[in-house]
Amino acid sequence: MWDWGLFSSDLSGLWGLVVYVWLALCLYMIANKTRIPNAWLAWIPIANLYLMCKVAGRAGWWTILFFIPLANIIIAIIIWMGIARARNKPSWLGILIIIPVVNLIIPGILAFSE
């Protein structure tokens, strides 16, 4: 029989890496499409939060707000609403970012749609 405990923990690490690469790729594409300089920051943890603030049209210091518990949820919604606006999409897409699984689809829509 399979040792499912070991197998599942290996897959969770791989799943986390896949999700990180997907979100970084989406943010990279969004930054390029909105002509934000240094789109490569999408691949660097914490720097990608700074890039999200820039794409959303907010000051860079907003990055600090992501580290305040509970407030970070509201900040994430505001930032993703700004990112949606920057891509000429309805801002309500930013609200959907708090829904599990949907939060993996919305960045793809914003990155790969015209």
C-alpha atoms as a PDB file:
ATOM      1  CA  MET A   1       0.000   0.000   0.000  1.00  0.00           C
ATOM      2  CA  TRP A   2       0.952   3.603  -0.456  1.00  0.00           C
ATOM      3  CA  ASP A   3       2.093   5.766   2.428  1.00  0.00           C
ATOM      4  CA  TRP A   4      -0.479   8.477   1.723  1.00  0.00           C
ATOM      5  CA  GLY A   5       0.741  10.741   4.538  1.00  0.00           C
ATOM      6  CA  LEU A   6       4.161  11.191   2.949  1.00  0.00           C
ATOM      7  CA  PHE A   7       2.714  11.347  -0.555  1.00  0.00           C
ATOM      8  CA  SER A   8       0.223  14.065   0.349  1.00  0.00           C
ATOM      9  CA  SER A   9       2.815  16.221   2.124  1.00  0.00           C
ATOM     10  CA  ASP A  10       5.048  16.040  -0.948  1.00  0.00           C
ATOM     11  CA  LEU A  11       2.142  17.105  -3.105  1.00  0.00           C
ATOM     12  CA  SER A  12       1.226  20.019  -0.841  1.00  0.00           C
ATOM     13  CA  GLY A  13       4.693  21.514  -1.274  1.00  0.00           C
ATOM     14  CA  LEU A  14       4.458  21.049  -5.020  1.00  0.00           C
ATOM     15  CA  TRP A  15       0.945  22.530  -5.011  1.00  0.00           C
ATOM     16  CA  GLY A  16       2.210  25.597  -3.110  1.00  0.00           C
ATOM     17  CA  LEU A  17       5.004  26.077  -5.649  1.00  0.00           C
ATOM     18  CA  VAL A  18       2.582  25.754  -8.567  1.00  0.00           C
ATOM     19  CA  VAL A  19       0.221  28.336  -7.043  1.00  0.00           C
ATOM     20  CA  TYR A  20       3.114  30.737  -6.353  1.00  0.00           C
ATOM     21  CA  VAL A  21       4.415  30.453  -9.926  1.00  0.00           C
ATOM     22  CA  TRP A  22       0.889  30.915 -11.324  1.00  0.00           C
ATOM     23  CA  LEU A  23       0.231  34.065  -9.275  1.00  0.00           C
ATOM     24  CA  ALA A  24       3.693  35.476 -10.039  1.00  0.00           C
ATOM     25  CA  LEU A  25       3.179  34.869 -13.760  1.00  0.00           C
ATOM     26  CA  CYS A  26      -0.229  36.554 -13.643  1.00  0.00           C
ATOM     27  CA  LEU A  27       1.137  39.566 -11.761  1.00  0.00           C
ATOM     28  CA  TYR A  28       4.074  39.776 -14.188  1.00  0.00           C
ATOM     29  CA  MET A  29       1.682  39.802 -17.167  1.00  0.00           C
ATOM     30  CA  ILE A  30      -0.591  42.380 -15.496  1.00  0.00           C
ATOM     31  CA  ALA A  31       2.377  44.671 -14.745  1.00  0.00           C
ATOM     32  CA  ASN A  32       3.589  44.405 -18.344  1.00  0.00           C
ATOM     33  CA  LYS A  33       0.134  45.127 -19.759  1.00  0.00           C
ATOM     34  CA  THR A  34      -0.271  48.171 -17.501  1.00  0.00           C
ATOM     35  CA  ARG A  35       3.258  49.350 -18.388  1.00  0.00           C
ATOM     36  CA  ILE A  36       4.501  49.338 -14.803  1.00  0.00           C
ATOM     37  CA  PRO A  37       8.314  49.302 -14.678  1.00  0.00           C
ATOM     38  CA  ASN A  38      10.170  46.431 -12.997  1.00  0.00           C
ATOM     39  CA  ALA A  39       7.541  43.776 -13.677  1.00  0.00           C
ATOM     40  CA  TRP A  40      10.152  41.186 -12.666  1.00  0.00           C
ATOM     41  CA  LEU A  41       9.397  42.090  -9.027  1.00  0.00           C
ATOM     42  CA  ALA A  42       6.390  39.773  -9.395  1.00  0.00           C
ATOM     43  CA  TRP A  43       8.731  36.823  -8.813  1.00  0.00           C
ATOM     44  CA  ILE A  44      10.177  38.088  -5.512  1.00  0.00           C
ATOM     45  CA  PRO A  45       8.223  37.579  -2.259  1.00  0.00           C
ATOM     46  CA  ILE A  46       7.178  40.850  -0.562  1.00  0.00           C
ATOM     47  CA  ALA A  47       8.438  42.818  -3.585  1.00  0.00           C
ATOM     48  CA  ASN A  48       5.425  41.432  -5.432  1.00  0.00           C
ATOM     49  CA  LEU A  49       3.165  43.132  -2.875  1.00  0.00           C
ATOM     50  CA  TYR A  50       4.920  46.425  -3.658  1.00  0.00           C
ATOM     51  CA  LEU A  51       4.363  45.781  -7.377  1.00  0.00           C
ATOM     52  CA  MET A  52       0.674  45.082  -6.754  1.00  0.00           C
ATOM     53  CA  CYS A  53       0.362  48.449  -4.997  1.00  0.00           C
ATOM     54  CA  LYS A  54       2.021  50.183  -7.941  1.00  0.00           C
ATOM     55  CA  VAL A  55      -0.253  48.474 -10.483  1.00  0.00           C
ATOM     56  CA  ALA A  56      -3.284  49.480  -8.390  1.00  0.00           C
ATOM     57  CA  GLY A  57      -2.113  53.101  -8.434  1.00  0.00           C
ATOM     58  CA  ARG A  58      -1.305  53.225  -4.722  1.00  0.00           C
ATOM     59  CA  ALA A  59       1.832  54.461  -3.003  1.00  0.00           C
ATOM     60  CA  GLY A  60       4.545  51.913  -2.273  1.00  0.00           C
ATOM     61  CA  TRP A  61       4.175  52.297   1.496  1.00  0.00           C
ATOM     62  CA  TRP A  62       0.809  50.499   1.213  1.00  0.00           C
ATOM     63  CA  THR A  63       2.926  47.316   1.133  1.00  0.00           C
ATOM     64  CA  ILE A  64       3.314  47.646   4.915  1.00  0.00           C
ATOM     65  CA  LEU A  65      -0.459  47.394   5.337  1.00  0.00           C
ATOM     66  CA  PHE A  66      -0.364  43.797   4.080  1.00  0.00           C
ATOM     67  CA  PHE A  67       1.387  42.837   7.331  1.00  0.00           C
ATOM     68  CA  ILE A  68      -1.349  44.107   9.672  1.00  0.00           C
ATOM     69  CA  PRO A  69      -3.647  41.228  10.678  1.00  0.00           C
ATOM     70  CA  LEU A  70      -7.277  41.583   9.541  1.00  0.00           C
ATOM     71  CA  ALA A  71      -6.537  44.917   7.862  1.00  0.00           C
ATOM     72  CA  ASN A  72      -4.603  42.986   5.235  1.00  0.00           C
ATOM     73  CA  ILE A  73      -7.850  41.407   4.005  1.00  0.00           C
ATOM     74  CA  ILE A  74      -9.387  44.826   3.366  1.00  0.00           C
ATOM     75  CA  ILE A  75      -6.143  46.105   1.818  1.00  0.00           C
ATOM     76  CA  ALA A  76      -5.957  43.069  -0.481  1.00  0.00           C
ATOM     77  CA  ILE A  77      -9.513  43.728  -1.681  1.00  0.00           C
ATOM     78  CA  ILE A  78      -8.767  47.436  -2.287  1.00  0.00           C
ATOM     79  CA  ILE A  79      -5.539  46.612  -4.133  1.00  0.00           C
ATOM     80  CA  TRP A  80      -7.147  43.941  -6.321  1.00  0.00           C
ATOM     81  CA  MET A  81     -10.030  46.303  -7.099  1.00  0.00           C
ATOM     82  CA  GLY A  82      -7.409  48.848  -8.215  1.00  0.00           C
ATOM     83  CA  ILE A  83      -5.641  46.212 -10.308  1.00  0.00           C
ATOM     84  CA  ALA A  84      -8.940  45.334 -11.996  1.00  0.00           C
ATOM     85  CA  ARG A  85      -9.538  49.023 -12.743  1.00  0.00           C
ATOM     86  CA  ALA A  86      -6.006  49.340 -14.129  1.00  0.00           C
ATOM     87  CA  ARG A  87      -6.844  46.499 -16.551  1.00  0.00           C
ATOM     88  CA  ASN A  88     -10.144  48.209 -17.496  1.00  0.00           C
ATOM     89  CA  LYS A  89     -12.211  45.496 -15.856  1.00  0.00           C
ATOM     90  CA  PRO A  90     -15.035  45.950 -13.339  1.00  0.00           C
ATOM     91  CA  SER A  91     -13.658  46.649  -9.890  1.00  0.00           C
ATOM     92  CA  TRP A  92     -16.000  44.098  -8.273  1.00  0.00           C
ATOM     93  CA  LEU A  93     -13.587  41.434  -9.549  1.00  0.00           C
ATOM     94  CA  GLY A  94     -11.285  42.569  -6.734  1.00  0.00           C
ATOM     95  CA  ILE A  95     -13.892  41.633  -4.151  1.00  0.00           C
ATOM     96  CA  LEU A  96     -13.980  38.062  -5.475  1.00  0.00           C
ATOM     97  CA  ILE A  97     -10.328  37.622  -4.491  1.00  0.00           C
ATOM     98  CA  ILE A  98     -11.429  36.620  -0.964  1.00  0.00           C
ATOM     99  CA  ILE A  99     -13.262  33.516  -2.247  1.00  0.00           C
ATOM    100  CA  PRO A 100     -11.121  30.372  -2.215  1.00  0.00           C
ATOM    101  CA  VAL A 101     -10.400  28.844  -5.644  1.00  0.00           C
ATOM    102  CA  VAL A 102     -11.889  31.924  -7.326  1.00  0.00           C
ATOM    103  CA  ASN A 103      -8.813  33.787  -6.063  1.00  0.00           C
ATOM    104  CA  LEU A 104      -6.772  31.621  -8.433  1.00  0.00           C
ATOM    105  CA  ILE A 105      -9.023  32.376 -11.411  1.00  0.00           C
ATOM    106  CA  ILE A 106      -9.350  36.177 -11.079  1.00  0.00           C
ATOM    107  CA  PRO A 107      -5.609  36.904 -11.533  1.00  0.00           C
ATOM    108  CA  GLY A 108      -5.663  34.763 -14.678  1.00  0.00           C
ATOM    109  CA  ILE A 109      -8.637  36.699 -16.042  1.00  0.00           C
ATOM    110  CA  LEU A 110      -6.917  40.009 -15.333  1.00  0.00           C
ATOM    111  CA  ALA A 111      -3.601  38.819 -16.800  1.00  0.00           C
ATOM    112  CA  PHE A 112      -4.661  37.037 -19.966  1.00  0.00           C
ATOM    113  CA  SER A 113      -7.780  38.880 -21.128  1.00  0.00           C
ATOM    114  CA  GLU A 114      -7.684  41.835 -23.453  1.00  0.00           C
END
